[in-house]
Amino acid sequence: MSKPESKPERKVVSRDDVEPVCWFGEEGRFLLRKEDTGGLYSFYQITTRPGSGPPPHVHETADEAFFVNKGRYEFEVGGVSEVVTAGTVVFGPRGVPHRFLNVGDEPGELLVIATPGGVENFFIGLSELVANGRPDWTKMQELANEHQMRGFQPPPGVGGDVPGPPPGVRGDVPATAHGTRG
């Protein structure tokens, strides 16, 4: 186990006080960032619209745990796919291909822990890359590589237009891209 980068301090965060970052039908709120946990982990909420979720990908150096807080999701981890509902946790270990898809009829919510911390920097970088609404998939792949991710590619059916945020989500936040199906 690695040592924290610096000693974490007590922090209390209200979800609604965290500025959301939106990407292809998803919204992320980074509640605890790498800096807040001494680099040990990031903790965030993802809200996804029906039919949204990332394409298959691999984190070479990070583990992720997804807690389904609301909705129905199809998760595929290591080639095994199943539909899970609220109250379920799914573990995606480093080096193992995974994806998820909101298969419900309404926006769903996931709480995610990624360890070590820092995945928020990937999403922030993506928001800058697609601020004009037209994703540059080559630059997104380069950014994914910088964050030790692979398999990042345009999902099926996604062209150059960036879909809006899920219903009830602010639309004035720059879009980023993690992926959407459909």
N, C-alpha and C. Protein backbone atom coordinates (compact mmCIF):
# COMPACT_ATOMS: atom_id res chain seq x y z
N MET A 1 0.84 -1.18 0.00
CA MET A 1 0.00 0.00 0.00
C MET A 1 0.88 1.24 0.00
N SER A 2 0.57 2.19 -0.87
CA SER A 2 1.38 3.39 -0.97
C SER A 2 0.98 4.41 0.10
N LYS A 3 1.92 5.28 0.43
CA LYS A 3 1.67 6.32 1.42
C LYS A 3 0.89 7.46 0.78
N PRO A 4 0.06 8.14 1.56
CA PRO A 4 -0.64 9.32 1.03
C PRO A 4 0.35 10.39 0.61
N GLU A 5 -0.02 11.19 -0.39
CA GLU A 5 0.84 12.27 -0.85
C GLU A 5 1.03 13.32 0.22
N SER A 6 0.00 13.65 0.97
CA SER A 6 0.06 14.56 2.10
C SER A 6 -1.03 14.14 3.07
N LYS A 7 -0.91 14.55 4.30
CA LYS A 7 -1.89 14.13 5.29
C LYS A 7 -3.25 14.76 4.98
N PRO A 8 -4.27 13.90 4.73
CA PRO A 8 -5.60 14.44 4.46
C PRO A 8 -6.17 15.17 5.67
N GLU A 9 -6.93 16.20 5.41
CA GLU A 9 -7.60 16.97 6.45
C GLU A 9 -9.09 16.67 6.40
N ARG A 10 -9.75 16.92 7.50
CA ARG A 10 -11.21 16.76 7.55
C ARG A 10 -11.85 17.64 6.49
N LYS A 11 -12.85 17.11 5.81
CA LYS A 11 -13.55 17.89 4.79
C LYS A 11 -15.00 17.44 4.77
N VAL A 12 -15.90 18.40 4.70
CA VAL A 12 -17.33 18.12 4.58
C VAL A 12 -17.78 18.76 3.28
N VAL A 13 -18.42 17.96 2.42
CA VAL A 13 -18.80 18.43 1.09
C VAL A 13 -20.29 18.20 0.88
N SER A 14 -20.99 19.23 0.46
CA SER A 14 -22.39 19.08 0.04
C SER A 14 -22.40 18.90 -1.47
N ARG A 15 -23.04 17.85 -1.94
CA ARG A 15 -23.10 17.54 -3.37
C ARG A 15 -23.51 18.76 -4.19
N ASP A 16 -24.49 19.51 -3.72
CA ASP A 16 -25.00 20.64 -4.48
C ASP A 16 -24.04 21.82 -4.53
N ASP A 17 -23.00 21.81 -3.69
CA ASP A 17 -21.99 22.86 -3.73
C ASP A 17 -20.86 22.55 -4.70
N VAL A 18 -20.88 21.36 -5.30
CA VAL A 18 -19.82 20.95 -6.22
C VAL A 18 -20.28 21.21 -7.65
N GLU A 19 -19.48 21.95 -8.37
CA GLU A 19 -19.78 22.27 -9.77
C GLU A 19 -19.75 21.01 -10.62
N PRO A 20 -20.83 20.73 -11.36
CA PRO A 20 -20.85 19.52 -12.19
C PRO A 20 -20.03 19.67 -13.46
N VAL A 21 -19.56 18.54 -13.95
CA VAL A 21 -18.89 18.44 -15.25
C VAL A 21 -19.73 17.49 -16.08
N CYS A 22 -20.12 17.90 -17.28
CA CYS A 22 -21.01 17.07 -18.11
C CYS A 22 -20.27 16.52 -19.32
N TRP A 23 -20.65 15.32 -19.71
CA TRP A 23 -20.12 14.67 -20.91
C TRP A 23 -21.17 13.73 -21.44
N PHE A 24 -21.39 13.68 -22.72
CA PHE A 24 -22.30 12.78 -23.44
C PHE A 24 -23.39 12.13 -22.61
N GLY A 25 -24.32 12.91 -22.12
CA GLY A 25 -25.45 12.34 -21.40
C GLY A 25 -25.14 11.94 -19.97
N GLU A 26 -24.00 12.34 -19.46
CA GLU A 26 -23.61 12.05 -18.09
C GLU A 26 -23.17 13.34 -17.40
N GLU A 27 -23.29 13.34 -16.07
CA GLU A 27 -22.84 14.46 -15.26
C GLU A 27 -22.04 13.91 -14.10
N GLY A 28 -20.87 14.49 -13.85
CA GLY A 28 -20.06 14.07 -12.71
C GLY A 28 -19.88 15.20 -11.73
N ARG A 29 -19.92 14.84 -10.45
CA ARG A 29 -19.61 15.79 -9.38
C ARG A 29 -18.52 15.15 -8.53
N PHE A 30 -17.34 15.76 -8.54
CA PHE A 30 -16.18 15.22 -7.85
C PHE A 30 -16.20 15.72 -6.41
N LEU A 31 -16.69 14.87 -5.51
CA LEU A 31 -16.93 15.25 -4.13
C LEU A 31 -15.64 15.25 -3.31
N LEU A 32 -14.80 14.27 -3.51
CA LEU A 32 -13.46 14.25 -2.91
C LEU A 32 -12.47 13.99 -4.04
N ARG A 33 -11.57 14.93 -4.22
CA ARG A 33 -10.56 14.82 -5.26
C ARG A 33 -9.26 14.26 -4.68
N LYS A 34 -8.38 13.95 -5.56
CA LYS A 34 -7.07 13.42 -5.19
C LYS A 34 -6.41 14.28 -4.10
N GLU A 35 -6.50 15.59 -4.25
CA GLU A 35 -5.87 16.51 -3.29
C GLU A 35 -6.51 16.40 -1.91
N ASP A 36 -7.79 16.04 -1.85
CA ASP A 36 -8.51 15.95 -0.58
C ASP A 36 -8.16 14.70 0.21
N THR A 37 -7.66 13.67 -0.46
CA THR A 37 -7.43 12.37 0.17
C THR A 37 -5.95 11.99 0.22
N GLY A 38 -5.08 12.94 -0.01
CA GLY A 38 -3.67 12.64 -0.03
C GLY A 38 -3.29 11.72 -1.18
N GLY A 39 -4.12 11.72 -2.25
CA GLY A 39 -3.85 10.90 -3.43
C GLY A 39 -4.39 9.49 -3.35
N LEU A 40 -4.96 9.12 -2.20
CA LEU A 40 -5.40 7.73 -2.02
C LEU A 40 -6.57 7.35 -2.92
N TYR A 41 -7.55 8.24 -3.08
CA TYR A 41 -8.73 7.92 -3.89
C TYR A 41 -9.45 9.18 -4.30
N SER A 42 -10.36 9.03 -5.25
CA SER A 42 -11.33 10.06 -5.64
C SER A 42 -12.71 9.48 -5.39
N PHE A 43 -13.64 10.32 -4.95
CA PHE A 43 -15.01 9.89 -4.67
C PHE A 43 -15.93 10.85 -5.42
N TYR A 44 -16.81 10.28 -6.26
CA TYR A 44 -17.64 11.15 -7.08
C TYR A 44 -18.98 10.50 -7.40
N GLN A 45 -19.90 11.35 -7.84
CA GLN A 45 -21.23 10.90 -8.25
C GLN A 45 -21.35 11.10 -9.76
N ILE A 46 -21.91 10.10 -10.43
CA ILE A 46 -22.20 10.21 -11.85
C ILE A 46 -23.71 10.04 -12.02
N THR A 47 -24.33 10.98 -12.73
CA THR A 47 -25.73 10.86 -13.12
C THR A 47 -25.75 10.60 -14.62
N THR A 48 -26.46 9.54 -15.04
CA THR A 48 -26.49 9.18 -16.46
C THR A 48 -27.92 9.18 -16.97
N ARG A 49 -28.08 9.65 -18.18
CA ARG A 49 -29.39 9.58 -18.83
C ARG A 49 -29.59 8.16 -19.36
N PRO A 50 -30.83 7.77 -19.62
CA PRO A 50 -31.07 6.44 -20.20
C PRO A 50 -30.26 6.26 -21.49
N GLY A 51 -29.64 5.10 -21.62
CA GLY A 51 -28.84 4.80 -22.81
C GLY A 51 -27.43 5.31 -22.75
N SER A 52 -27.02 5.94 -21.64
CA SER A 52 -25.67 6.50 -21.53
C SER A 52 -24.75 5.61 -20.73
N GLY A 53 -23.49 5.72 -21.04
CA GLY A 53 -22.44 5.01 -20.33
C GLY A 53 -21.20 4.97 -21.19
N PRO A 54 -20.04 4.72 -20.58
CA PRO A 54 -18.79 4.74 -21.34
C PRO A 54 -18.63 3.49 -22.20
N PRO A 55 -17.85 3.59 -23.26
CA PRO A 55 -17.51 2.40 -24.04
C PRO A 55 -16.56 1.52 -23.22
N PRO A 56 -16.35 0.28 -23.63
CA PRO A 56 -15.40 -0.57 -22.90
C PRO A 56 -14.03 0.10 -22.82
N HIS A 57 -13.44 0.05 -21.63
CA HIS A 57 -12.14 0.65 -21.42
C HIS A 57 -11.44 -0.04 -20.25
N VAL A 58 -10.15 0.25 -20.10
CA VAL A 58 -9.34 -0.34 -19.04
C VAL A 58 -8.55 0.77 -18.35
N HIS A 59 -8.56 0.74 -17.03
CA HIS A 59 -7.67 1.60 -16.24
C HIS A 59 -6.49 0.73 -15.84
N GLU A 60 -5.31 1.08 -16.33
CA GLU A 60 -4.13 0.26 -16.05
C GLU A 60 -3.67 0.39 -14.60
N THR A 61 -3.92 1.54 -13.98
CA THR A 61 -3.36 1.78 -12.64
C THR A 61 -4.41 2.14 -11.60
N ALA A 62 -5.70 2.01 -11.90
CA ALA A 62 -6.73 2.41 -10.94
C ALA A 62 -7.82 1.34 -10.83
N ASP A 63 -8.28 1.14 -9.61
CA ASP A 63 -9.44 0.30 -9.33
C ASP A 63 -10.64 1.23 -9.16
N GLU A 64 -11.84 0.73 -9.52
CA GLU A 64 -13.06 1.51 -9.34
C GLU A 64 -14.12 0.64 -8.68
N ALA A 65 -14.87 1.25 -7.78
CA ALA A 65 -16.04 0.61 -7.19
C ALA A 65 -17.23 1.51 -7.49
N PHE A 66 -18.29 0.92 -8.07
CA PHE A 66 -19.49 1.66 -8.48
C PHE A 66 -20.65 1.21 -7.60
N PHE A 67 -21.26 2.13 -6.89
CA PHE A 67 -22.45 1.84 -6.10
C PHE A 67 -23.65 2.43 -6.84
N VAL A 68 -24.60 1.57 -7.21
CA VAL A 68 -25.80 2.04 -7.91
C VAL A 68 -26.72 2.65 -6.86
N ASN A 69 -26.83 3.96 -6.90
CA ASN A 69 -27.65 4.70 -5.94
C ASN A 69 -29.10 4.81 -6.43
N LYS A 70 -29.26 4.84 -7.76
CA LYS A 70 -30.59 5.00 -8.35
C LYS A 70 -30.55 4.45 -9.76
N GLY A 71 -31.57 3.66 -10.13
CA GLY A 71 -31.70 3.22 -11.51
C GLY A 71 -31.30 1.78 -11.75
N ARG A 72 -31.22 1.44 -13.05
CA ARG A 72 -30.84 0.10 -13.52
C ARG A 72 -29.69 0.26 -14.50
N TYR A 73 -28.63 -0.50 -14.27
CA TYR A 73 -27.44 -0.43 -15.12
C TYR A 73 -27.04 -1.82 -15.58
N GLU A 74 -26.57 -1.89 -16.80
CA GLU A 74 -25.89 -3.09 -17.26
C GLU A 74 -24.40 -2.83 -17.09
N PHE A 75 -23.74 -3.67 -16.31
CA PHE A 75 -22.30 -3.59 -16.12
C PHE A 75 -21.67 -4.78 -16.81
N GLU A 76 -20.56 -4.54 -17.46
CA GLU A 76 -19.74 -5.62 -18.00
C GLU A 76 -18.34 -5.43 -17.44
N VAL A 77 -17.85 -6.44 -16.74
CA VAL A 77 -16.51 -6.41 -16.16
C VAL A 77 -15.83 -7.72 -16.53
N GLY A 78 -14.72 -7.62 -17.22
CA GLY A 78 -13.97 -8.82 -17.60
C GLY A 78 -14.76 -9.77 -18.47
N GLY A 79 -15.65 -9.24 -19.31
CA GLY A 79 -16.43 -10.07 -20.22
C GLY A 79 -17.71 -10.64 -19.64
N VAL A 80 -17.98 -10.39 -18.35
CA VAL A 80 -19.20 -10.86 -17.71
C VAL A 80 -20.16 -9.67 -17.59
N SER A 81 -21.36 -9.85 -18.14
CA SER A 81 -22.34 -8.76 -18.17
C SER A 81 -23.56 -9.14 -17.34
N GLU A 82 -24.06 -8.16 -16.57
CA GLU A 82 -25.31 -8.37 -15.84
C GLU A 82 -25.97 -7.04 -15.55
N VAL A 83 -27.29 -7.07 -15.38
CA VAL A 83 -28.05 -5.88 -15.03
C VAL A 83 -28.18 -5.83 -13.52
N VAL A 84 -27.88 -4.66 -12.95
CA VAL A 84 -27.95 -4.47 -11.51
C VAL A 84 -28.81 -3.26 -11.20
N THR A 85 -29.34 -3.20 -9.98
CA THR A 85 -30.24 -2.12 -9.57
C THR A 85 -29.70 -1.43 -8.33
N ALA A 86 -30.45 -0.43 -7.87
CA ALA A 86 -30.07 0.37 -6.71
C ALA A 86 -29.74 -0.54 -5.53
N GLY A 87 -28.68 -0.17 -4.83
CA GLY A 87 -28.22 -0.94 -3.68
C GLY A 87 -27.14 -1.93 -4.00
N THR A 88 -26.70 -1.97 -5.26
CA THR A 88 -25.68 -2.93 -5.70
C THR A 88 -24.35 -2.22 -5.90
N VAL A 89 -23.26 -2.90 -5.53
CA VAL A 89 -21.93 -2.38 -5.79
C VAL A 89 -21.23 -3.31 -6.78
N VAL A 90 -20.50 -2.71 -7.73
CA VAL A 90 -19.75 -3.46 -8.73
C VAL A 90 -18.30 -2.99 -8.65
N PHE A 91 -17.39 -3.95 -8.58
CA PHE A 91 -15.96 -3.65 -8.52
C PHE A 91 -15.33 -3.86 -9.88
N GLY A 92 -14.60 -2.85 -10.35
CA GLY A 92 -13.86 -2.93 -11.60
C GLY A 92 -12.37 -2.82 -11.31
N PRO A 93 -11.67 -3.95 -11.21
CA PRO A 93 -10.24 -3.90 -10.87
C PRO A 93 -9.39 -3.36 -12.01
N ARG A 94 -8.27 -2.78 -11.64
CA ARG A 94 -7.32 -2.26 -12.63
C ARG A 94 -6.91 -3.37 -13.59
N GLY A 95 -6.71 -2.98 -14.84
CA GLY A 95 -6.27 -3.93 -15.85
C GLY A 95 -7.37 -4.79 -16.45
N VAL A 96 -8.61 -4.64 -15.98
CA VAL A 96 -9.73 -5.46 -16.46
C VAL A 96 -10.70 -4.59 -17.26
N PRO A 97 -11.02 -4.96 -18.51
CA PRO A 97 -11.97 -4.17 -19.30
C PRO A 97 -13.34 -4.11 -18.62
N HIS A 98 -13.94 -2.92 -18.68
CA HIS A 98 -15.28 -2.76 -18.10
C HIS A 98 -16.02 -1.63 -18.81
N ARG A 99 -17.33 -1.63 -18.60
CA ARG A 99 -18.21 -0.58 -19.11
C ARG A 99 -19.49 -0.65 -18.30
N PHE A 100 -20.31 0.41 -18.40
CA PHE A 100 -21.65 0.37 -17.84
C PHE A 100 -22.58 1.14 -18.75
N LEU A 101 -23.87 0.85 -18.64
CA LEU A 101 -24.88 1.46 -19.48
C LEU A 101 -26.16 1.61 -18.66
N ASN A 102 -26.73 2.80 -18.62
CA ASN A 102 -28.01 3.01 -17.95
C ASN A 102 -29.08 2.37 -18.83
N VAL A 103 -29.66 1.25 -18.39
CA VAL A 103 -30.68 0.54 -19.16
C VAL A 103 -32.09 0.86 -18.64
N GLY A 104 -32.19 1.80 -17.71
CA GLY A 104 -33.49 2.21 -17.19
C GLY A 104 -34.14 3.25 -18.07
N ASP A 105 -35.34 3.66 -17.66
CA ASP A 105 -36.11 4.66 -18.41
C ASP A 105 -35.91 6.08 -17.87
N GLU A 106 -35.17 6.22 -16.78
CA GLU A 106 -34.95 7.52 -16.15
C GLU A 106 -33.47 7.70 -15.85
N PRO A 107 -33.05 8.94 -15.55
CA PRO A 107 -31.65 9.12 -15.17
C PRO A 107 -31.31 8.24 -13.97
N GLY A 108 -30.11 7.68 -13.99
CA GLY A 108 -29.61 6.86 -12.90
C GLY A 108 -28.46 7.57 -12.21
N GLU A 109 -28.11 7.09 -11.01
CA GLU A 109 -27.01 7.68 -10.25
C GLU A 109 -26.08 6.60 -9.73
N LEU A 110 -24.80 6.86 -9.90
CA LEU A 110 -23.74 5.99 -9.37
C LEU A 110 -22.88 6.81 -8.42
N LEU A 111 -22.45 6.18 -7.34
CA LEU A 111 -21.40 6.73 -6.50
C LEU A 111 -20.16 5.90 -6.79
N VAL A 112 -19.03 6.56 -7.02
CA VAL A 112 -17.84 5.87 -7.48
C VAL A 112 -16.63 6.24 -6.61
N ILE A 113 -15.86 5.23 -6.28
CA ILE A 113 -14.55 5.43 -5.65
C ILE A 113 -13.52 4.90 -6.63
N ALA A 114 -12.54 5.72 -6.96
CA ALA A 114 -11.43 5.31 -7.82
C ALA A 114 -10.15 5.46 -7.00
N THR A 115 -9.34 4.40 -7.00
CA THR A 115 -8.09 4.45 -6.25
C THR A 115 -6.94 3.95 -7.11
N PRO A 116 -5.83 4.66 -7.13
CA PRO A 116 -5.58 5.92 -6.44
C PRO A 116 -6.40 7.06 -7.05
N GLY A 117 -6.35 8.20 -6.39
CA GLY A 117 -7.12 9.36 -6.84
C GLY A 117 -6.54 9.99 -8.09
N GLY A 118 -7.34 10.84 -8.72
CA GLY A 118 -6.89 11.61 -9.86
C GLY A 118 -7.72 11.48 -11.11
N VAL A 119 -8.71 10.55 -11.14
CA VAL A 119 -9.51 10.37 -12.35
C VAL A 119 -10.24 11.66 -12.74
N GLU A 120 -10.51 12.52 -11.77
CA GLU A 120 -11.19 13.78 -12.09
C GLU A 120 -10.40 14.60 -13.09
N ASN A 121 -9.07 14.47 -13.08
CA ASN A 121 -8.26 15.23 -14.02
C ASN A 121 -8.48 14.78 -15.46
N PHE A 122 -8.80 13.50 -15.65
CA PHE A 122 -9.16 13.00 -16.97
C PHE A 122 -10.42 13.70 -17.48
N PHE A 123 -11.45 13.76 -16.64
CA PHE A 123 -12.72 14.38 -17.05
C PHE A 123 -12.56 15.88 -17.28
N ILE A 124 -11.80 16.54 -16.45
CA ILE A 124 -11.57 17.97 -16.62
C ILE A 124 -10.84 18.23 -17.93
N GLY A 125 -9.84 17.40 -18.23
CA GLY A 125 -9.13 17.52 -19.51
C GLY A 125 -10.05 17.32 -20.69
N LEU A 126 -10.95 16.35 -20.59
CA LEU A 126 -11.90 16.11 -21.68
C LEU A 126 -12.83 17.30 -21.87
N SER A 127 -13.24 17.93 -20.78
CA SER A 127 -14.13 19.08 -20.91
C SER A 127 -13.46 20.19 -21.72
N GLU A 128 -12.17 20.33 -21.54
CA GLU A 128 -11.44 21.34 -22.31
C GLU A 128 -11.32 20.93 -23.78
N LEU A 129 -11.16 19.64 -24.04
CA LEU A 129 -11.00 19.17 -25.41
C LEU A 129 -12.26 19.32 -26.24
N VAL A 130 -13.42 19.22 -25.62
CA VAL A 130 -14.68 19.26 -26.38
C VAL A 130 -15.53 20.48 -26.04
N ALA A 131 -14.89 21.52 -25.55
CA ALA A 131 -15.63 22.73 -25.17
C ALA A 131 -16.42 23.32 -26.34
N ASN A 132 -15.96 23.07 -27.56
CA ASN A 132 -16.67 23.61 -28.72
C ASN A 132 -17.79 22.68 -29.19
N GLY A 133 -18.00 21.55 -28.50
CA GLY A 133 -19.09 20.65 -28.84
C GLY A 133 -18.75 19.60 -29.88
N ARG A 134 -17.54 19.63 -30.43
CA ARG A 134 -17.14 18.64 -31.44
C ARG A 134 -15.95 17.86 -30.92
N PRO A 135 -16.15 16.62 -30.51
CA PRO A 135 -15.05 15.86 -29.92
C PRO A 135 -13.95 15.54 -30.93
N ASP A 136 -12.72 15.64 -30.48
CA ASP A 136 -11.57 15.23 -31.27
C ASP A 136 -11.10 13.91 -30.66
N TRP A 137 -11.49 12.80 -31.29
CA TRP A 137 -11.24 11.48 -30.71
C TRP A 137 -9.77 11.16 -30.59
N THR A 138 -8.93 11.69 -31.47
CA THR A 138 -7.50 11.44 -31.38
C THR A 138 -6.93 12.08 -30.12
N LYS A 139 -7.30 13.32 -29.85
CA LYS A 139 -6.82 14.00 -28.65
C LYS A 139 -7.40 13.36 -27.39
N MET A 140 -8.63 12.86 -27.47
CA MET A 140 -9.21 12.17 -26.32
C MET A 140 -8.42 10.90 -26.02
N GLN A 141 -8.02 10.18 -27.05
CA GLN A 141 -7.22 8.97 -26.87
C GLN A 141 -5.88 9.32 -26.24
N GLU A 142 -5.27 10.40 -26.69
CA GLU A 142 -4.00 10.84 -26.11
C GLU A 142 -4.17 11.16 -24.63
N LEU A 143 -5.27 11.85 -24.29
CA LEU A 143 -5.53 12.17 -22.89
C LEU A 143 -5.75 10.90 -22.08
N ALA A 144 -6.50 9.96 -22.63
CA ALA A 144 -6.72 8.68 -21.95
C ALA A 144 -5.38 7.99 -21.69
N ASN A 145 -4.50 7.99 -22.68
CA ASN A 145 -3.19 7.38 -22.52
C ASN A 145 -2.40 8.05 -21.40
N GLU A 146 -2.48 9.38 -21.31
CA GLU A 146 -1.80 10.12 -20.24
C GLU A 146 -2.28 9.67 -18.87
N HIS A 147 -3.53 9.23 -18.79
CA HIS A 147 -4.13 8.80 -17.51
C HIS A 147 -4.16 7.28 -17.39
N GLN A 148 -3.30 6.62 -18.13
CA GLN A 148 -3.14 5.16 -18.09
C GLN A 148 -4.45 4.43 -18.32
N MET A 149 -5.21 4.92 -19.31
CA MET A 149 -6.44 4.26 -19.75
C MET A 149 -6.23 3.81 -21.18
N ARG A 150 -6.88 2.70 -21.54
CA ARG A 150 -6.84 2.28 -22.94
C ARG A 150 -8.22 1.78 -23.34
N GLY A 151 -8.40 1.69 -24.65
CA GLY A 151 -9.69 1.26 -25.16
C GLY A 151 -10.65 2.41 -25.33
N PHE A 152 -10.20 3.63 -25.05
CA PHE A 152 -11.06 4.79 -25.19
C PHE A 152 -11.25 5.07 -26.67
N GLN A 153 -12.49 5.05 -27.12
CA GLN A 153 -12.79 5.25 -28.54
C GLN A 153 -14.19 5.82 -28.65
N PRO A 154 -14.53 6.36 -29.83
CA PRO A 154 -15.89 6.85 -29.98
C PRO A 154 -16.87 5.69 -29.85
N PRO A 155 -17.87 5.82 -29.00
CA PRO A 155 -18.85 4.75 -28.87
C PRO A 155 -19.72 4.64 -30.12
N PRO A 156 -20.33 3.49 -30.34
CA PRO A 156 -21.18 3.30 -31.52
C PRO A 156 -22.28 4.35 -31.60
N GLY A 157 -22.47 4.89 -32.79
CA GLY A 157 -23.57 5.84 -33.01
C GLY A 157 -23.27 7.27 -32.63
N VAL A 158 -22.07 7.55 -32.10
CA VAL A 158 -21.76 8.93 -31.71
C VAL A 158 -20.99 9.58 -32.83
N GLY A 159 -21.55 10.67 -33.34
CA GLY A 159 -20.86 11.44 -34.36
C GLY A 159 -20.18 12.62 -33.73
N GLY A 160 -20.19 13.75 -34.40
CA GLY A 160 -19.51 14.92 -33.90
C GLY A 160 -20.34 15.77 -32.97
N ASP A 161 -21.63 15.52 -32.85
CA ASP A 161 -22.46 16.35 -31.99
C ASP A 161 -22.48 15.80 -30.58
N VAL A 162 -22.40 16.69 -29.63
CA VAL A 162 -22.40 16.31 -28.23
C VAL A 162 -23.82 16.43 -27.69
N PRO A 163 -24.42 15.32 -27.22
CA PRO A 163 -25.76 15.40 -26.65
C PRO A 163 -25.77 16.29 -25.43
N GLY A 164 -26.93 16.80 -25.10
CA GLY A 164 -27.07 17.64 -23.92
C GLY A 164 -27.03 16.84 -22.64
N PRO A 165 -27.07 17.53 -21.50
CA PRO A 165 -27.04 16.85 -20.22
C PRO A 165 -28.34 16.12 -19.94
N PRO A 166 -28.33 15.23 -18.93
CA PRO A 166 -29.56 14.53 -18.57
C PRO A 166 -30.63 15.51 -18.14
N PRO A 167 -31.91 15.14 -18.21
CA PRO A 167 -32.98 16.03 -17.75
C PRO A 167 -32.74 16.46 -16.31
N GLY A 168 -32.95 17.75 -16.05
CA GLY A 168 -32.77 18.27 -14.72
C GLY A 168 -31.34 18.65 -14.40
N VAL A 169 -30.43 18.52 -15.38
CA VAL A 169 -29.02 18.84 -15.19
C VAL A 169 -28.75 20.15 -15.89
N ARG A 170 -27.94 20.97 -15.27
CA ARG A 170 -27.60 22.27 -15.87
C ARG A 170 -26.98 22.08 -17.24
N GLY A 171 -27.38 22.88 -18.18
CA GLY A 171 -26.86 22.75 -19.53
C GLY A 171 -25.75 23.72 -19.86
N ASP A 172 -25.40 24.63 -18.93
CA ASP A 172 -24.40 25.65 -19.24
C ASP A 172 -22.99 25.25 -18.82
N VAL A 173 -22.80 24.01 -18.38
CA VAL A 173 -21.49 23.52 -18.00
C VAL A 173 -20.84 22.91 -19.23
N PRO A 174 -19.54 23.18 -19.47
CA PRO A 174 -18.90 22.61 -20.66
C PRO A 174 -19.05 21.10 -20.70
N ALA A 175 -19.28 20.58 -21.89
CA ALA A 175 -19.41 19.13 -22.07
C ALA A 175 -18.03 18.49 -22.09
N THR A 176 -17.95 17.26 -21.62
CA THR A 176 -16.75 16.45 -21.78
C THR A 176 -17.20 15.14 -22.38
N ALA A 177 -16.28 14.26 -22.65
CA ALA A 177 -16.69 13.00 -23.27
C ALA A 177 -16.06 11.82 -22.56
N HIS A 178 -16.86 10.96 -22.07
CA HIS A 178 -16.39 9.68 -21.51
C HIS A 178 -17.06 8.59 -22.32
N GLY A 179 -18.16 8.93 -22.96
CA GLY A 179 -18.82 7.99 -23.86
C GLY A 179 -20.30 7.89 -23.64
N THR A 180 -20.98 7.52 -24.67
CA THR A 180 -22.42 7.26 -24.64
C THR A 180 -22.72 6.18 -25.63
N ARG A 181 -23.70 5.43 -25.37
CA ARG A 181 -24.13 4.41 -26.32
C ARG A 181 -25.38 4.95 -27.02
N GLY A 182 -25.48 4.65 -28.30
CA GLY A 182 -26.73 4.93 -28.94
C GLY A 182 -26.67 5.87 -30.03
